[in-house]
Each structure stands twice: as C-alpha cells, then as structure tokens.
Amino acid sequence: MTETLVGRGLMAAGLVLIVVGVARIVSSGDDPPAVVTAEAPPADSAPASTSGGASSSTAPSSTSTSTTTTTTSTTTTSTTTLVVVQAETPEDFLTVLVDAFAAGDAATLFARMNQATLDRYGSAQCEAYAATIAGMAQDLAFRSAAAAPTWDYTTDSVSTPIPDATAVEVARVLNGQTLIQEVHWQLVDGRFTWFTDCGDPV
C-alpha cells in the first residue's frame, strides 16, 4: 500500500516537471528576437576605400609642421691700397737746394744734411752753419747723375766711405764763368741728402 502511494507520487512529480519544461520551451519561442544595433562610425572618421575589390580602412592622417632656419654668412672683403711714393730725382733735389739757398730757408738746408755730416760736426754746429749760408744764392744747373757705389766723404782730413752715393754733375756760374763741378748726394728713405763742411770736426 505504501509503495503504491510512493510510486504514484513520483509519477505525479514527473508529470509536473514535464509540464513545466514544455511551458518554458513554448514561452521562450514567443520571446521577440534579439536585435543587434551597429553603431554608426564617428562623423570625423574617413570612409573606407575600396581597391581591387578588397576593402581597406584609411587611418586618420596627422600633419606635422617643421620650421627650417637658414643661416646666412656674410664675408666682408677689405681692400688695402698701397701708396707708392716715388723716390726723389737728382733734378728735383737740386731745385730744393737752390730754392732753399735763395729763400734763406736754413731749416730745409739743415734738415737735408746727411747723417755722416751731422756725426762729424755735430748737430748744433751744422744748424748754425746752415743759418750762415742761407740766403746765398747758388746759380746751379743740373747736367747729369750717375751711381757711385762707394764714395769717400773727406773734409778736414777725416774720411768716411759712403755706400750707394750718387755723383751729380752741375754747372755753376761764378764771376761770369761757367764751372763744371761734381757733388755727391745720398738717397735716404726716398729723399736725397747732401754733404758739407760745417766747421771743425767734433
């Protein structure tokens, strides 16, 4: 009796489970189908391009700006002008001496004395001598000039060899007569200097 009741109870429970399972299947079939919504691509993204039937996506391009700095070097060329001073000619120096004598220009006569004369007689004695002879007109005319490799400057029994001297031939008018005389000068720094006897050697 008890076993019969248990068996019936199990059968009833199984029937209930079957009914519940069928009901779930039926109710699941009535559920509306799921809808998958695809999001639209962002407005700023580039459209896909098609090449050769295959689709490809183009990534957003980025623009880079580069700044180029140009350095310009300037070369300044300086030009040096060389001034060539022409050496004094014997004719020019003769004119300087004649004019200085005639004008009483003792300063020029003294300034143009050769260093050998100053060494022999002393600057003070030669300057005083130039003052005494200035104003004495010298009627001299240039005739010719020639190099004298070595000339002996001799006065008052004292002699000094002068290298690179110039022998100058001049014509002097004295007492109505023309005398040919040879004098010697030396070119120093482009200007001629002369030799004389200033008095007594020091």
N, C-alpha and C. Protein backbone atom coordinates (compact mmCIF):
# COMPACT_ATOMS: atom_id res chain seq x y z
N MET A 1 0.83 -1.20 0.00
CA MET A 1 0.00 0.00 0.00
C MET A 1 0.85 1.22 0.00
N THR A 2 1.84 1.18 0.86
CA THR A 2 2.75 2.36 0.94
C THR A 2 3.53 2.50 -0.33
N GLU A 3 4.03 1.44 -0.87
CA GLU A 3 4.83 1.50 -2.11
C GLU A 3 3.97 2.04 -3.24
N THR A 4 2.66 1.65 -3.26
CA THR A 4 1.78 2.13 -4.33
C THR A 4 1.64 3.63 -4.25
N LEU A 5 1.54 4.16 -3.03
CA LEU A 5 1.39 5.60 -2.85
C LEU A 5 2.66 6.33 -3.26
N VAL A 6 3.80 5.76 -2.94
CA VAL A 6 5.08 6.41 -3.30
C VAL A 6 5.24 6.44 -4.80
N GLY A 7 4.86 5.35 -5.46
CA GLY A 7 5.01 5.32 -6.90
C GLY A 7 4.12 6.32 -7.59
N ARG A 8 2.93 6.45 -7.09
CA ARG A 8 2.05 7.43 -7.69
C ARG A 8 2.57 8.85 -7.47
N GLY A 9 3.11 9.04 -6.27
CA GLY A 9 3.63 10.41 -6.02
C GLY A 9 4.78 10.75 -6.97
N LEU A 10 5.66 9.79 -7.23
CA LEU A 10 6.78 10.03 -8.14
C LEU A 10 6.28 10.30 -9.56
N MET A 11 5.29 9.57 -9.98
CA MET A 11 4.75 9.76 -11.31
C MET A 11 4.15 11.16 -11.44
N ALA A 12 3.41 11.55 -10.36
CA ALA A 12 2.79 12.88 -10.40
C ALA A 12 3.86 13.97 -10.46
N ALA A 13 4.94 13.77 -9.70
CA ALA A 13 6.03 14.78 -9.72
C ALA A 13 6.68 14.84 -11.08
N GLY A 14 6.86 13.67 -11.71
CA GLY A 14 7.47 13.67 -13.03
C GLY A 14 6.60 14.34 -14.05
N LEU A 15 5.29 14.13 -13.92
CA LEU A 15 4.38 14.77 -14.87
C LEU A 15 4.45 16.28 -14.73
N VAL A 16 4.53 16.72 -13.47
CA VAL A 16 4.61 18.18 -13.24
C VAL A 16 5.87 18.75 -13.89
N LEU A 17 6.98 18.06 -13.77
CA LEU A 17 8.25 18.55 -14.35
C LEU A 17 8.17 18.63 -15.87
N ILE A 18 7.48 17.62 -16.45
CA ILE A 18 7.34 17.62 -17.92
C ILE A 18 6.52 18.82 -18.36
N VAL A 19 5.43 19.07 -17.63
CA VAL A 19 4.56 20.20 -18.00
C VAL A 19 5.32 21.52 -17.88
N VAL A 20 6.07 21.65 -16.82
CA VAL A 20 6.83 22.92 -16.62
C VAL A 20 7.86 23.11 -17.73
N GLY A 21 8.54 22.00 -18.14
CA GLY A 21 9.57 22.12 -19.18
C GLY A 21 8.96 22.51 -20.50
N VAL A 22 7.75 21.88 -20.82
CA VAL A 22 7.11 22.25 -22.09
C VAL A 22 6.70 23.71 -22.08
N ALA A 23 6.21 24.16 -20.93
CA ALA A 23 5.76 25.55 -20.83
C ALA A 23 6.93 26.51 -21.06
N ARG A 24 8.09 26.17 -20.55
CA ARG A 24 9.28 27.07 -20.75
C ARG A 24 9.69 27.12 -22.21
N ILE A 25 9.63 25.94 -22.86
CA ILE A 25 10.03 25.92 -24.28
C ILE A 25 9.09 26.79 -25.09
N VAL A 26 7.77 26.63 -24.80
CA VAL A 26 6.78 27.42 -25.55
C VAL A 26 6.97 28.89 -25.31
N SER A 27 7.18 29.27 -24.02
CA SER A 27 7.32 30.70 -23.70
C SER A 27 8.59 31.28 -24.27
N SER A 28 9.66 30.49 -24.35
CA SER A 28 10.91 31.01 -24.93
C SER A 28 10.78 31.21 -26.42
N GLY A 29 9.97 30.46 -27.08
CA GLY A 29 9.78 30.65 -28.51
C GLY A 29 8.99 31.88 -28.83
N ASP A 30 8.17 32.34 -27.84
CA ASP A 30 7.38 33.55 -28.08
C ASP A 30 8.16 34.82 -27.82
N ASP A 31 9.38 34.74 -27.21
CA ASP A 31 10.17 35.96 -26.93
C ASP A 31 10.58 36.65 -28.22
N PRO A 32 10.51 37.93 -28.29
CA PRO A 32 10.91 38.65 -29.51
C PRO A 32 12.39 38.42 -29.80
N PRO A 33 12.74 38.31 -31.08
CA PRO A 33 14.15 38.09 -31.43
C PRO A 33 15.02 39.26 -31.00
N ALA A 34 16.26 38.90 -30.64
CA ALA A 34 17.20 39.95 -30.21
C ALA A 34 17.66 40.77 -31.41
N VAL A 35 17.71 42.06 -31.25
CA VAL A 35 18.14 42.98 -32.31
C VAL A 35 19.50 43.53 -31.97
N VAL A 36 20.45 43.34 -32.91
CA VAL A 36 21.81 43.87 -32.70
C VAL A 36 21.94 45.17 -33.48
N THR A 37 22.20 46.20 -32.77
CA THR A 37 22.33 47.53 -33.41
C THR A 37 23.80 47.89 -33.54
N ALA A 38 24.20 48.15 -34.79
CA ALA A 38 25.61 48.56 -35.02
C ALA A 38 25.73 50.07 -34.92
N GLU A 39 26.71 50.47 -34.18
CA GLU A 39 26.91 51.92 -34.01
C GLU A 39 27.51 52.52 -35.28
N ALA A 40 26.98 53.66 -35.63
CA ALA A 40 27.50 54.37 -36.81
C ALA A 40 28.90 54.86 -36.54
N PRO A 41 29.75 54.85 -37.54
CA PRO A 41 31.12 55.35 -37.33
C PRO A 41 31.10 56.84 -37.01
N PRO A 42 32.10 57.28 -36.26
CA PRO A 42 32.18 58.72 -35.92
C PRO A 42 32.20 59.57 -37.19
N ALA A 43 31.60 60.75 -37.05
CA ALA A 43 31.48 61.64 -38.22
C ALA A 43 32.84 62.05 -38.77
N ASP A 44 33.91 62.11 -37.92
CA ASP A 44 35.20 62.60 -38.40
C ASP A 44 36.10 61.52 -38.89
N SER A 45 35.61 60.27 -38.89
CA SER A 45 36.47 59.19 -39.38
C SER A 45 36.34 59.10 -40.89
N ALA A 46 37.43 58.71 -41.56
CA ALA A 46 37.46 58.67 -43.01
C ALA A 46 36.71 57.45 -43.50
N PRO A 47 35.96 57.55 -44.63
CA PRO A 47 35.22 56.41 -45.18
C PRO A 47 36.18 55.36 -45.70
N ALA A 48 35.68 54.12 -45.72
CA ALA A 48 36.52 53.03 -46.20
C ALA A 48 36.69 53.16 -47.69
N SER A 49 37.90 52.89 -48.17
CA SER A 49 38.17 52.94 -49.60
C SER A 49 38.35 51.53 -50.11
N THR A 50 37.93 51.35 -51.38
CA THR A 50 37.99 50.03 -51.98
C THR A 50 39.02 50.04 -53.09
N SER A 51 39.90 49.09 -53.02
CA SER A 51 40.93 48.99 -54.06
C SER A 51 41.06 47.54 -54.45
N GLY A 52 40.76 47.25 -55.70
CA GLY A 52 40.88 45.90 -56.22
C GLY A 52 39.92 44.95 -55.59
N GLY A 53 38.74 45.43 -55.14
CA GLY A 53 37.70 44.57 -54.58
C GLY A 53 37.90 44.31 -53.11
N ALA A 54 38.98 44.65 -52.54
CA ALA A 54 39.22 44.43 -51.10
C ALA A 54 39.03 45.74 -50.39
N SER A 55 38.38 45.66 -49.28
CA SER A 55 38.12 46.87 -48.50
C SER A 55 39.30 47.14 -47.60
N SER A 56 39.63 48.41 -47.52
CA SER A 56 40.72 48.81 -46.61
C SER A 56 40.30 50.08 -45.90
N SER A 57 40.74 50.22 -44.72
CA SER A 57 40.40 51.40 -43.93
C SER A 57 41.61 52.33 -43.92
N THR A 58 41.32 53.61 -44.04
CA THR A 58 42.39 54.62 -44.02
C THR A 58 42.41 55.28 -42.67
N ALA A 59 43.56 55.19 -42.04
CA ALA A 59 43.70 55.79 -40.71
C ALA A 59 43.75 57.29 -40.84
N PRO A 60 43.28 58.02 -39.85
CA PRO A 60 43.33 59.50 -39.91
C PRO A 60 44.77 59.95 -40.06
N SER A 61 44.94 60.90 -40.98
CA SER A 61 46.30 61.40 -41.23
C SER A 61 46.60 62.55 -40.28
N SER A 62 47.85 62.60 -39.87
CA SER A 62 48.26 63.69 -38.99
C SER A 62 49.25 64.57 -39.74
N THR A 63 49.16 65.88 -39.57
CA THR A 63 50.01 66.84 -40.28
C THR A 63 51.02 67.42 -39.31
N SER A 64 52.32 67.31 -39.68
CA SER A 64 53.36 67.88 -38.82
C SER A 64 53.97 69.07 -39.53
N THR A 65 54.27 70.13 -38.80
CA THR A 65 54.86 71.34 -39.38
C THR A 65 56.29 71.47 -38.90
N SER A 66 57.21 71.58 -39.86
CA SER A 66 58.62 71.73 -39.49
C SER A 66 59.08 73.13 -39.87
N THR A 67 59.93 73.70 -39.05
CA THR A 67 60.46 75.04 -39.29
C THR A 67 61.92 74.93 -39.65
N THR A 68 62.28 75.52 -40.80
CA THR A 68 63.66 75.47 -41.26
C THR A 68 64.31 76.83 -41.03
N THR A 69 65.43 76.83 -40.35
CA THR A 69 66.15 78.06 -40.08
C THR A 69 67.35 78.14 -41.00
N THR A 70 67.43 79.23 -41.78
CA THR A 70 68.54 79.42 -42.72
C THR A 70 69.49 80.45 -42.17
N THR A 71 70.77 80.08 -42.06
CA THR A 71 71.79 80.99 -41.57
C THR A 71 72.61 81.50 -42.73
N THR A 72 72.66 82.79 -42.88
CA THR A 72 73.41 83.40 -43.98
C THR A 72 74.67 84.05 -43.43
N SER A 73 75.81 83.64 -43.96
CA SER A 73 77.07 84.23 -43.52
C SER A 73 77.53 85.25 -44.55
N THR A 74 77.95 86.39 -44.06
CA THR A 74 78.39 87.47 -44.93
C THR A 74 79.90 87.64 -44.82
N THR A 75 80.58 87.63 -45.95
CA THR A 75 82.02 87.79 -45.96
C THR A 75 82.35 89.20 -46.43
N THR A 76 83.09 89.91 -45.59
CA THR A 76 83.47 91.27 -45.93
C THR A 76 84.92 91.27 -46.39
N THR A 77 85.11 91.76 -47.57
CA THR A 77 86.45 91.81 -48.14
C THR A 77 86.98 93.23 -48.01
N SER A 78 88.10 93.33 -47.33
CA SER A 78 88.71 94.64 -47.18
C SER A 78 89.83 94.79 -48.20
N THR A 79 89.91 95.95 -48.80
CA THR A 79 90.91 96.23 -49.82
C THR A 79 91.91 97.22 -49.27
N THR A 80 93.17 96.84 -49.32
CA THR A 80 94.24 97.71 -48.86
C THR A 80 94.90 98.36 -50.07
N THR A 81 94.91 99.67 -50.05
CA THR A 81 95.52 100.41 -51.14
C THR A 81 96.95 100.78 -50.77
N LEU A 82 97.87 100.34 -51.58
CA LEU A 82 99.27 100.66 -51.34
C LEU A 82 99.63 101.94 -52.10
N VAL A 83 100.13 102.88 -51.34
CA VAL A 83 100.54 104.14 -51.95
C VAL A 83 102.05 104.07 -52.16
N VAL A 84 102.44 104.08 -53.40
CA VAL A 84 103.86 104.02 -53.74
C VAL A 84 104.38 105.43 -53.91
N VAL A 85 105.33 105.79 -53.06
CA VAL A 85 105.93 107.12 -53.13
C VAL A 85 107.16 107.03 -54.01
N GLN A 86 107.16 107.80 -55.06
CA GLN A 86 108.28 107.78 -55.99
C GLN A 86 109.47 108.50 -55.37
N ALA A 87 110.63 107.88 -55.52
CA ALA A 87 111.85 108.47 -54.97
C ALA A 87 112.16 109.80 -55.66
N GLU A 88 112.74 110.67 -54.90
CA GLU A 88 113.12 111.99 -55.41
C GLU A 88 114.22 111.82 -56.47
N THR A 89 114.16 112.62 -57.49
CA THR A 89 115.19 112.58 -58.53
C THR A 89 116.28 113.61 -58.21
N PRO A 90 117.49 113.42 -58.76
CA PRO A 90 118.55 114.42 -58.54
C PRO A 90 118.15 115.81 -59.00
N GLU A 91 117.43 115.89 -60.14
CA GLU A 91 116.98 117.20 -60.63
C GLU A 91 116.07 117.88 -59.61
N ASP A 92 115.15 117.07 -59.00
CA ASP A 92 114.22 117.64 -58.01
C ASP A 92 114.98 118.17 -56.80
N PHE A 93 115.96 117.38 -56.33
CA PHE A 93 116.69 117.81 -55.13
C PHE A 93 117.54 119.06 -55.40
N LEU A 94 118.09 119.15 -56.62
CA LEU A 94 118.86 120.36 -56.93
C LEU A 94 117.96 121.59 -56.86
N THR A 95 116.72 121.45 -57.31
CA THR A 95 115.77 122.55 -57.23
C THR A 95 115.48 122.91 -55.78
N VAL A 96 115.34 121.88 -54.91
CA VAL A 96 115.09 122.12 -53.48
C VAL A 96 116.24 122.92 -52.87
N LEU A 97 117.49 122.51 -53.16
CA LEU A 97 118.64 123.22 -52.60
C LEU A 97 118.74 124.66 -53.10
N VAL A 98 118.60 124.84 -54.41
CA VAL A 98 118.71 126.19 -54.98
C VAL A 98 117.64 127.10 -54.40
N ASP A 99 116.40 126.60 -54.29
CA ASP A 99 115.31 127.41 -53.74
C ASP A 99 115.54 127.72 -52.26
N ALA A 100 116.06 126.75 -51.48
CA ALA A 100 116.31 126.98 -50.05
C ALA A 100 117.40 128.03 -49.85
N PHE A 101 118.46 127.96 -50.65
CA PHE A 101 119.51 128.99 -50.57
C PHE A 101 118.94 130.36 -50.90
N ALA A 102 118.19 130.45 -51.98
CA ALA A 102 117.67 131.74 -52.43
C ALA A 102 116.67 132.32 -51.44
N ALA A 103 115.88 131.44 -50.79
CA ALA A 103 114.84 131.92 -49.86
C ALA A 103 115.35 132.09 -48.44
N GLY A 104 116.61 131.75 -48.20
CA GLY A 104 117.15 131.84 -46.84
C GLY A 104 116.51 130.81 -45.92
N ASP A 105 116.15 129.64 -46.49
CA ASP A 105 115.47 128.58 -45.73
C ASP A 105 116.51 127.68 -45.05
N ALA A 106 117.01 128.15 -43.90
CA ALA A 106 118.04 127.40 -43.18
C ALA A 106 117.50 126.07 -42.65
N ALA A 107 116.22 126.01 -42.32
CA ALA A 107 115.64 124.78 -41.77
C ALA A 107 115.71 123.64 -42.79
N THR A 108 115.40 123.96 -44.06
CA THR A 108 115.46 122.92 -45.10
C THR A 108 116.90 122.51 -45.37
N LEU A 109 117.81 123.46 -45.40
CA LEU A 109 119.21 123.13 -45.63
C LEU A 109 119.74 122.21 -44.53
N PHE A 110 119.37 122.49 -43.29
CA PHE A 110 119.83 121.67 -42.17
C PHE A 110 119.14 120.30 -42.18
N ALA A 111 117.83 120.28 -42.47
CA ALA A 111 117.09 119.02 -42.46
C ALA A 111 117.58 118.06 -43.53
N ARG A 112 118.12 118.59 -44.63
CA ARG A 112 118.58 117.74 -45.72
C ARG A 112 120.06 117.36 -45.62
N MET A 113 120.74 117.72 -44.55
CA MET A 113 122.14 117.31 -44.38
C MET A 113 122.20 115.83 -44.06
N ASN A 114 123.21 115.15 -44.62
CA ASN A 114 123.38 113.73 -44.39
C ASN A 114 123.81 113.46 -42.95
N GLN A 115 123.46 112.29 -42.46
CA GLN A 115 123.79 111.92 -41.09
C GLN A 115 125.30 111.88 -40.86
N ALA A 116 126.05 111.53 -41.89
CA ALA A 116 127.51 111.49 -41.74
C ALA A 116 128.07 112.88 -41.45
N THR A 117 127.46 113.91 -42.05
CA THR A 117 127.89 115.29 -41.78
C THR A 117 127.56 115.67 -40.34
N LEU A 118 126.36 115.30 -39.90
CA LEU A 118 125.97 115.62 -38.53
C LEU A 118 126.85 114.88 -37.52
N ASP A 119 127.19 113.64 -37.83
CA ASP A 119 128.04 112.87 -36.92
C ASP A 119 129.45 113.49 -36.84
N ARG A 120 129.93 114.01 -37.95
CA ARG A 120 131.29 114.56 -37.97
C ARG A 120 131.38 115.91 -37.28
N TYR A 121 130.36 116.76 -37.48
CA TYR A 121 130.44 118.12 -36.96
C TYR A 121 129.48 118.41 -35.81
N GLY A 122 128.55 117.55 -35.57
CA GLY A 122 127.58 117.80 -34.50
C GLY A 122 126.39 118.59 -35.03
N SER A 123 125.24 118.26 -34.50
CA SER A 123 124.01 118.90 -34.98
C SER A 123 124.00 120.41 -34.72
N ALA A 124 124.48 120.83 -33.54
CA ALA A 124 124.44 122.26 -33.20
C ALA A 124 125.30 123.08 -34.15
N GLN A 125 126.52 122.59 -34.44
CA GLN A 125 127.42 123.33 -35.33
C GLN A 125 126.86 123.38 -36.75
N CYS A 126 126.24 122.25 -37.20
CA CYS A 126 125.69 122.22 -38.56
C CYS A 126 124.46 123.11 -38.69
N GLU A 127 123.66 123.18 -37.65
CA GLU A 127 122.47 124.04 -37.69
C GLU A 127 122.88 125.51 -37.76
N ALA A 128 123.91 125.85 -37.01
CA ALA A 128 124.40 127.23 -37.05
C ALA A 128 125.01 127.54 -38.41
N TYR A 129 125.70 126.57 -38.99
CA TYR A 129 126.30 126.77 -40.32
C TYR A 129 125.21 126.98 -41.36
N ALA A 130 124.11 126.23 -41.29
CA ALA A 130 123.02 126.38 -42.25
C ALA A 130 122.44 127.79 -42.17
N ALA A 131 122.40 128.37 -40.98
CA ALA A 131 121.86 129.72 -40.83
C ALA A 131 122.77 130.75 -41.48
N THR A 132 124.09 130.49 -41.51
CA THR A 132 125.03 131.47 -42.09
C THR A 132 125.04 131.42 -43.62
N ILE A 133 124.79 130.25 -44.20
CA ILE A 133 124.86 130.16 -45.66
C ILE A 133 123.50 130.37 -46.32
N ALA A 134 122.43 130.28 -45.53
CA ALA A 134 121.09 130.51 -46.11
C ALA A 134 121.01 131.94 -46.62
N GLY A 135 120.46 132.12 -47.79
CA GLY A 135 120.35 133.43 -48.41
C GLY A 135 121.42 133.67 -49.45
N MET A 136 122.44 132.81 -49.50
CA MET A 136 123.47 132.92 -50.53
C MET A 136 122.98 132.20 -51.79
N ALA A 137 122.60 132.96 -52.78
CA ALA A 137 122.06 132.37 -54.00
C ALA A 137 123.10 131.49 -54.67
N GLN A 138 122.65 130.37 -55.15
CA GLN A 138 123.52 129.43 -55.85
C GLN A 138 122.99 129.26 -57.28
N ASP A 139 123.79 129.69 -58.22
CA ASP A 139 123.40 129.60 -59.63
C ASP A 139 123.89 128.25 -60.16
N LEU A 140 123.08 127.23 -59.95
CA LEU A 140 123.46 125.87 -60.33
C LEU A 140 122.47 125.33 -61.36
N ALA A 141 123.00 124.54 -62.27
CA ALA A 141 122.17 123.90 -63.29
C ALA A 141 122.55 122.42 -63.36
N PHE A 142 121.56 121.57 -63.45
CA PHE A 142 121.80 120.13 -63.49
C PHE A 142 122.34 119.72 -64.85
N ARG A 143 123.35 118.81 -64.83
CA ARG A 143 123.93 118.31 -66.07
C ARG A 143 123.71 116.79 -66.19
N SER A 144 124.11 116.03 -65.18
CA SER A 144 123.98 114.58 -65.24
C SER A 144 124.11 113.99 -63.84
N ALA A 145 123.74 112.69 -63.73
CA ALA A 145 123.85 111.99 -62.45
C ALA A 145 124.21 110.54 -62.73
N ALA A 146 125.01 109.96 -61.85
CA ALA A 146 125.42 108.56 -62.00
C ALA A 146 125.62 107.95 -60.62
N ALA A 147 125.40 106.65 -60.55
CA ALA A 147 125.58 105.95 -59.27
C ALA A 147 127.05 105.86 -58.93
N ALA A 148 127.34 106.06 -57.66
CA ALA A 148 128.71 105.91 -57.16
C ALA A 148 128.65 104.88 -56.03
N PRO A 149 128.96 103.61 -56.34
CA PRO A 149 128.81 102.54 -55.34
C PRO A 149 129.42 102.89 -54.00
N THR A 150 130.62 103.46 -54.03
CA THR A 150 131.26 103.89 -52.78
C THR A 150 131.98 105.21 -53.03
N TRP A 151 131.70 106.17 -52.17
CA TRP A 151 132.35 107.49 -52.29
C TRP A 151 132.92 107.86 -50.93
N ASP A 152 134.14 108.38 -50.95
CA ASP A 152 134.79 108.78 -49.70
C ASP A 152 134.47 110.24 -49.39
N TYR A 153 133.73 110.45 -48.33
CA TYR A 153 133.37 111.80 -47.88
C TYR A 153 134.54 112.31 -47.04
N THR A 154 135.31 113.22 -47.63
CA THR A 154 136.55 113.67 -46.99
C THR A 154 136.51 115.18 -46.78
N THR A 155 136.63 115.60 -45.53
CA THR A 155 136.77 117.01 -45.14
C THR A 155 137.62 117.06 -43.87
N ASP A 156 138.41 118.13 -43.76
CA ASP A 156 139.22 118.34 -42.55
C ASP A 156 140.02 117.10 -42.17
N SER A 157 140.61 116.47 -43.19
CA SER A 157 141.46 115.29 -43.00
C SER A 157 140.71 114.10 -42.40
N VAL A 158 139.40 114.11 -42.48
CA VAL A 158 138.60 112.99 -42.00
C VAL A 158 137.85 112.42 -43.19
N SER A 159 137.89 111.09 -43.31
CA SER A 159 137.25 110.45 -44.47
C SER A 159 136.29 109.36 -43.99
N THR A 160 135.12 109.33 -44.62
CA THR A 160 134.11 108.32 -44.31
C THR A 160 133.58 107.74 -45.61
N PRO A 161 133.68 106.41 -45.79
CA PRO A 161 133.13 105.81 -47.02
C PRO A 161 131.60 105.85 -46.98
N ILE A 162 131.01 106.34 -48.05
CA ILE A 162 129.55 106.44 -48.16
C ILE A 162 129.09 105.46 -49.24
N PRO A 163 128.33 104.43 -48.87
CA PRO A 163 127.84 103.48 -49.88
C PRO A 163 126.62 104.04 -50.61
N ASP A 164 126.44 103.57 -51.83
CA ASP A 164 125.26 103.92 -52.62
C ASP A 164 125.07 105.42 -52.77
N ALA A 165 126.15 106.12 -53.01
CA ALA A 165 126.05 107.57 -53.24
C ALA A 165 125.70 107.83 -54.70
N THR A 166 125.33 109.08 -54.96
CA THR A 166 125.02 109.49 -56.33
C THR A 166 125.94 110.67 -56.69
N ALA A 167 126.69 110.51 -57.78
CA ALA A 167 127.56 111.58 -58.24
C ALA A 167 126.76 112.46 -59.21
N VAL A 168 126.67 113.72 -58.88
CA VAL A 168 125.85 114.65 -59.67
C VAL A 168 126.76 115.73 -60.24
N GLU A 169 126.65 115.92 -61.54
CA GLU A 169 127.43 116.95 -62.22
C GLU A 169 126.55 118.17 -62.43
N VAL A 170 127.06 119.30 -61.94
CA VAL A 170 126.30 120.54 -62.05
C VAL A 170 127.18 121.60 -62.71
N ALA A 171 126.49 122.59 -63.25
CA ALA A 171 127.20 123.74 -63.84
C ALA A 171 126.98 124.93 -62.93
N ARG A 172 128.05 125.56 -62.53
CA ARG A 172 127.97 126.71 -61.64
C ARG A 172 128.53 127.94 -62.37
N VAL A 173 127.76 129.00 -62.28
CA VAL A 173 128.22 130.26 -62.88
C VAL A 173 128.86 131.09 -61.77
N LEU A 174 130.14 131.38 -61.91
CA LEU A 174 130.88 132.15 -60.90
C LEU A 174 131.69 133.23 -61.59
N ASN A 175 131.39 134.48 -61.23
CA ASN A 175 132.09 135.63 -61.81
C ASN A 175 132.01 135.62 -63.33
N GLY A 176 130.85 135.26 -63.83
CA GLY A 176 130.64 135.30 -65.27
C GLY A 176 131.17 134.07 -65.98
N GLN A 177 131.74 133.15 -65.24
CA GLN A 177 132.30 131.96 -65.86
C GLN A 177 131.49 130.72 -65.42
N THR A 178 131.33 129.77 -66.34
CA THR A 178 130.61 128.54 -66.04
C THR A 178 131.62 127.47 -65.63
N LEU A 179 131.45 126.96 -64.46
CA LEU A 179 132.34 125.93 -63.93
C LEU A 179 131.56 124.63 -63.81
N ILE A 180 132.20 123.53 -64.19
CA ILE A 180 131.58 122.20 -64.05
C ILE A 180 132.08 121.61 -62.73
N GLN A 181 131.16 121.20 -61.93
CA GLN A 181 131.52 120.71 -60.60
C GLN A 181 130.78 119.39 -60.33
N GLU A 182 131.43 118.50 -59.60
CA GLU A 182 130.79 117.24 -59.21
C GLU A 182 130.54 117.26 -57.71
N VAL A 183 129.29 117.00 -57.35
CA VAL A 183 128.91 116.91 -55.94
C VAL A 183 128.32 115.51 -55.70
N HIS A 184 128.24 115.14 -54.42
CA HIS A 184 127.73 113.80 -54.11
C HIS A 184 126.57 113.91 -53.11
N TRP A 185 125.54 113.16 -53.39
CA TRP A 185 124.37 113.08 -52.52
C TRP A 185 124.08 111.61 -52.21
N GLN A 186 123.27 111.39 -51.22
CA GLN A 186 122.86 110.02 -50.89
C GLN A 186 121.34 109.99 -50.70
N LEU A 187 120.72 108.99 -51.32
CA LEU A 187 119.27 108.84 -51.22
C LEU A 187 118.94 108.09 -49.93
N VAL A 188 118.16 108.72 -49.06
CA VAL A 188 117.77 108.14 -47.77
C VAL A 188 116.25 108.22 -47.65
N ASP A 189 115.62 107.04 -47.57
CA ASP A 189 114.15 106.98 -47.45
C ASP A 189 113.45 107.77 -48.55
N GLY A 190 113.99 107.66 -49.76
CA GLY A 190 113.33 108.28 -50.91
C GLY A 190 113.65 109.75 -51.11
N ARG A 191 114.51 110.32 -50.24
CA ARG A 191 114.88 111.74 -50.40
C ARG A 191 116.40 111.87 -50.36
N PHE A 192 116.91 112.79 -51.18
CA PHE A 192 118.36 112.99 -51.24
C PHE A 192 118.83 113.85 -50.05
N THR A 193 120.04 113.55 -49.61
CA THR A 193 120.70 114.33 -48.56
C THR A 193 122.05 114.79 -49.09
N TRP A 194 122.58 115.89 -48.54
CA TRP A 194 123.83 116.43 -49.06
C TRP A 194 124.90 116.45 -47.98
N PHE A 195 126.13 116.65 -48.42
CA PHE A 195 127.31 116.66 -47.52
C PHE A 195 127.97 118.02 -47.60
N THR A 196 128.49 118.48 -46.47
CA THR A 196 129.17 119.78 -46.46
C THR A 196 130.18 119.81 -45.33
N ASP A 197 130.85 120.93 -45.21
CA ASP A 197 131.85 121.17 -44.15
C ASP A 197 131.25 122.23 -43.22
N CYS A 198 130.84 121.79 -42.03
CA CYS A 198 130.16 122.71 -41.10
C CYS A 198 131.15 123.48 -40.22
N GLY A 199 132.44 123.16 -40.28
CA GLY A 199 133.42 123.87 -39.44
C GLY A 199 134.49 122.90 -38.93
N ASP A 200 134.53 122.69 -37.64
CA ASP A 200 135.53 121.83 -37.04
C ASP A 200 134.91 120.50 -36.61
N PRO A 201 135.54 119.38 -36.96
CA PRO A 201 135.01 118.09 -36.52
C PRO A 201 134.95 117.99 -35.00
N VAL A 202 133.97 117.34 -34.49
CA VAL A 202 133.82 117.21 -33.04
C VAL A 202 134.49 115.93 -32.55
